Amino acid sequence: MNSFAIIQTGGKQYLVEEGLKVKIEKIKGDHKVGDSVTFDQVLLSDDGKDATTIGAPFIKGAKVTGEITKIARAKKVVVIKYKAKSNYFKKRGHKQPYFEVKITKLA
């Protein structure tokens, strides 16, 4: 088994390995495709052999580095509010922005 880590970003937790592509919430700031991003909120890391490190809540000094491969918006989420017999109908929707990040290094 390969080494892996669990990181936290955008209020969510992701299990990542080197070479894996992950869709994450958009990160604040001015980012472009090809930029490098560093995640320092590492909750757990495993080297694939016998050493597993668990943070409390994060592991000090642990970092996961990735490269932004795609900046896009997800499929439209449609929200419909309807009440029968009262002429009430509202239809709203939005597309959630996301980054696709390829994990390059676990440290």
C-alpha atoms as a PDB file:
ATOM      1  CA  MET A   1       0.000   0.000   0.000  1.00  0.00           C
ATOM      2  CA  ASN A   2       1.193   3.509  -0.802  1.00  0.00           C
ATOM      3  CA  SER A   3       1.633   6.300   1.668  1.00  0.00           C
ATOM      4  CA  PHE A   4      -1.406   8.486   2.203  1.00  0.00           C
ATOM      5  CA  ALA A   5      -2.627  11.400   4.306  1.00  0.00           C
ATOM      6  CA  ILE A   6      -5.918  12.923   5.393  1.00  0.00           C
ATOM      7  CA  ILE A   7      -6.078  16.689   4.924  1.00  0.00           C
ATOM      8  CA  GLN A   8      -8.695  19.276   5.810  1.00  0.00           C
ATOM      9  CA  THR A   9      -9.631  22.154   3.520  1.00  0.00           C
ATOM     10  CA  GLY A  10     -12.846  24.050   2.911  1.00  0.00           C
ATOM     11  CA  GLY A  11     -14.483  22.466   5.958  1.00  0.00           C
ATOM     12  CA  LYS A  12     -14.117  18.986   4.470  1.00  0.00           C
ATOM     13  CA  GLN A  13     -11.625  16.152   4.886  1.00  0.00           C
ATOM     14  CA  TYR A  14      -9.950  14.341   1.985  1.00  0.00           C
ATOM     15  CA  LEU A  15      -7.887  11.152   1.793  1.00  0.00           C
ATOM     16  CA  VAL A  16      -4.984  11.883  -0.593  1.00  0.00           C
ATOM     17  CA  GLU A  17      -2.054  10.009  -2.137  1.00  0.00           C
ATOM     18  CA  GLU A  18       0.711  11.177  -4.453  1.00  0.00           C
ATOM     19  CA  GLY A  19      -0.528  11.445  -8.026  1.00  0.00           C
ATOM     20  CA  LEU A  20      -4.201  11.522  -7.008  1.00  0.00           C
ATOM     21  CA  LYS A  21      -6.535  14.200  -8.428  1.00  0.00           C
ATOM     22  CA  VAL A  22      -8.950  15.657  -5.870  1.00  0.00           C
ATOM     23  CA  LYS A  23     -11.858  18.095  -6.326  1.00  0.00           C
ATOM     24  CA  ILE A  24     -11.786  20.589  -3.458  1.00  0.00           C
ATOM     25  CA  GLU A  25     -13.674  23.729  -2.508  1.00  0.00           C
ATOM     26  CA  LYS A  26     -12.397  26.937  -4.079  1.00  0.00           C
ATOM     27  CA  ILE A  27      -9.539  28.474  -2.053  1.00  0.00           C
ATOM     28  CA  LYS A  28      -9.585  32.215  -1.351  1.00  0.00           C
ATOM     29  CA  GLY A  29      -6.997  34.247  -3.174  1.00  0.00           C
ATOM     30  CA  ASP A  30      -5.810  34.749  -6.733  1.00  0.00           C
ATOM     31  CA  HIS A  31      -5.008  31.284  -8.108  1.00  0.00           C
ATOM     32  CA  LYS A  32      -4.406  30.111 -11.670  1.00  0.00           C
ATOM     33  CA  VAL A  33      -4.054  26.712 -13.318  1.00  0.00           C
ATOM     34  CA  GLY A  34      -0.522  25.447 -12.704  1.00  0.00           C
ATOM     35  CA  ASP A  35      -0.134  27.168  -9.325  1.00  0.00           C
ATOM     36  CA  SER A  36       1.174  25.162  -6.393  1.00  0.00           C
ATOM     37  CA  VAL A  37      -0.902  24.942  -3.218  1.00  0.00           C
ATOM     38  CA  THR A  38       0.176  23.702   0.200  1.00  0.00           C
ATOM     39  CA  PHE A  39      -2.149  22.123   2.736  1.00  0.00           C
ATOM     40  CA  ASP A  40      -0.776  22.336   6.283  1.00  0.00           C
ATOM     41  CA  GLN A  41      -3.880  21.011   8.042  1.00  0.00           C
ATOM     42  CA  VAL A  42      -2.879  17.330   7.981  1.00  0.00           C
ATOM     43  CA  LEU A  43      -4.974  15.175  10.316  1.00  0.00           C
ATOM     44  CA  LEU A  44      -3.331  11.783   9.706  1.00  0.00           C
ATOM     45  CA  SER A  45      -0.395  10.446   7.719  1.00  0.00           C
ATOM     46  CA  ASP A  46       0.727   6.924   6.960  1.00  0.00           C
ATOM     47  CA  ASP A  47       3.972   5.918   5.220  1.00  0.00           C
ATOM     48  CA  GLY A  48       2.519   2.692   3.805  1.00  0.00           C
ATOM     49  CA  LYS A  49       4.661   0.376   5.922  1.00  0.00           C
ATOM     50  CA  ASP A  50       4.279   0.610   9.688  1.00  0.00           C
ATOM     51  CA  ALA A  51       4.334   4.250  10.847  1.00  0.00           C
ATOM     52  CA  THR A  52       1.000   6.023  11.256  1.00  0.00           C
ATOM     53  CA  THR A  53       0.930   9.519  12.740  1.00  0.00           C
ATOM     54  CA  ILE A  54      -2.285  10.959  14.139  1.00  0.00           C
ATOM     55  CA  GLY A  55      -2.568  14.670  14.865  1.00  0.00           C
ATOM     56  CA  ALA A  56      -4.236  16.381  17.794  1.00  0.00           C
ATOM     57  CA  PRO A  57      -5.972  17.894  15.832  1.00  0.00           C
ATOM     58  CA  PHE A  58      -3.213  18.506  13.230  1.00  0.00           C
ATOM     59  CA  ILE A  59       0.294  17.086  12.768  1.00  0.00           C
ATOM     60  CA  LYS A  60       2.928  19.767  13.390  1.00  0.00           C
ATOM     61  CA  GLY A  61       5.265  20.295  10.449  1.00  0.00           C
ATOM     62  CA  ALA A  62       3.343  18.009   8.086  1.00  0.00           C
ATOM     63  CA  LYS A  63       2.484  19.408   4.657  1.00  0.00           C
ATOM     64  CA  VAL A  64       0.836  18.155   1.510  1.00  0.00           C
ATOM     65  CA  THR A  65       1.681  19.914  -1.749  1.00  0.00           C
ATOM     66  CA  GLY A  66      -0.428  19.890  -4.895  1.00  0.00           C
ATOM     67  CA  GLU A  67      -0.752  21.584  -8.249  1.00  0.00           C
ATOM     68  CA  ILE A  68      -3.988  23.126  -9.535  1.00  0.00           C
ATOM     69  CA  THR A  69      -4.911  21.341 -12.768  1.00  0.00           C
ATOM     70  CA  LYS A  70      -8.397  22.755 -13.300  1.00  0.00           C
ATOM     71  CA  ILE A  71     -10.550  25.637 -12.058  1.00  0.00           C
ATOM     72  CA  ALA A  72     -14.220  25.185 -12.893  1.00  0.00           C
ATOM     73  CA  ARG A  73     -17.758  25.168 -11.611  1.00  0.00           C
ATOM     74  CA  ALA A  74     -19.760  22.047 -10.820  1.00  0.00           C
ATOM     75  CA  LYS A  75     -23.132  21.113 -12.300  1.00  0.00           C
ATOM     76  CA  LYS A  76     -25.973  23.452 -11.448  1.00  0.00           C
ATOM     77  CA  VAL A  77     -27.776  22.770  -8.183  1.00  0.00           C
ATOM     78  CA  VAL A  78     -31.459  23.640  -8.621  1.00  0.00           C
ATOM     79  CA  VAL A  79     -33.527  24.641  -5.582  1.00  0.00           C
ATOM     80  CA  ILE A  80     -37.295  24.657  -6.001  1.00  0.00           C
ATOM     81  CA  LYS A  81     -39.726  25.945  -3.385  1.00  0.00           C
ATOM     82  CA  TYR A  82     -43.377  25.138  -4.008  1.00  0.00           C
ATOM     83  CA  LYS A  83     -46.590  25.262  -2.040  1.00  0.00           C
ATOM     84  CA  ALA A  84     -49.732  23.763  -3.502  1.00  0.00           C
ATOM     85  CA  LYS A  85     -52.890  25.833  -3.983  1.00  0.00           C
ATOM     86  CA  SER A  86     -51.244  29.110  -2.970  1.00  0.00           C
ATOM     87  CA  ASN A  87     -49.591  30.276  -6.213  1.00  0.00           C
ATOM     88  CA  TYR A  88     -46.115  29.967  -4.622  1.00  0.00           C
ATOM     89  CA  PHE A  89     -43.258  28.729  -6.804  1.00  0.00           C
ATOM     90  CA  LYS A  90     -39.624  29.803  -6.677  1.00  0.00           C
ATOM     91  CA  LYS A  91     -36.827  28.272  -8.703  1.00  0.00           C
ATOM     92  CA  ARG A  92     -33.238  29.240  -7.958  1.00  0.00           C
ATOM     93  CA  GLY A  93     -29.909  27.626  -8.689  1.00  0.00           C
ATOM     94  CA  HIS A  94     -26.181  28.086  -8.587  1.00  0.00           C
ATOM     95  CA  LYS A  95     -22.963  26.438  -9.758  1.00  0.00           C
ATOM     96  CA  GLN A  96     -20.451  25.757  -6.982  1.00  0.00           C
ATOM     97  CA  PRO A  97     -16.848  26.674  -7.937  1.00  0.00           C
ATOM     98  CA  TYR A  98     -14.143  24.073  -7.332  1.00  0.00           C
ATOM     99  CA  PHE A  99     -10.433  23.388  -7.883  1.00  0.00           C
ATOM    100  CA  GLU A 100      -9.089  20.110  -9.203  1.00  0.00           C
ATOM    101  CA  VAL A 101      -5.744  19.540  -7.498  1.00  0.00           C
ATOM    102  CA  LYS A 102      -3.149  16.894  -8.366  1.00  0.00           C
ATOM    103  CA  ILE A 103      -1.239  15.873  -5.233  1.00  0.00           C
ATOM    104  CA  THR A 104       2.501  16.040  -5.884  1.00  0.00           C
ATOM    105  CA  LYS A 105       4.182  15.544  -2.506  1.00  0.00           C
ATOM    106  CA  LEU A 106       3.412  14.281   0.994  1.00  0.00           C
ATOM    107  CA  ALA A 107       5.837  15.580   3.601  1.00  0.00           C
END
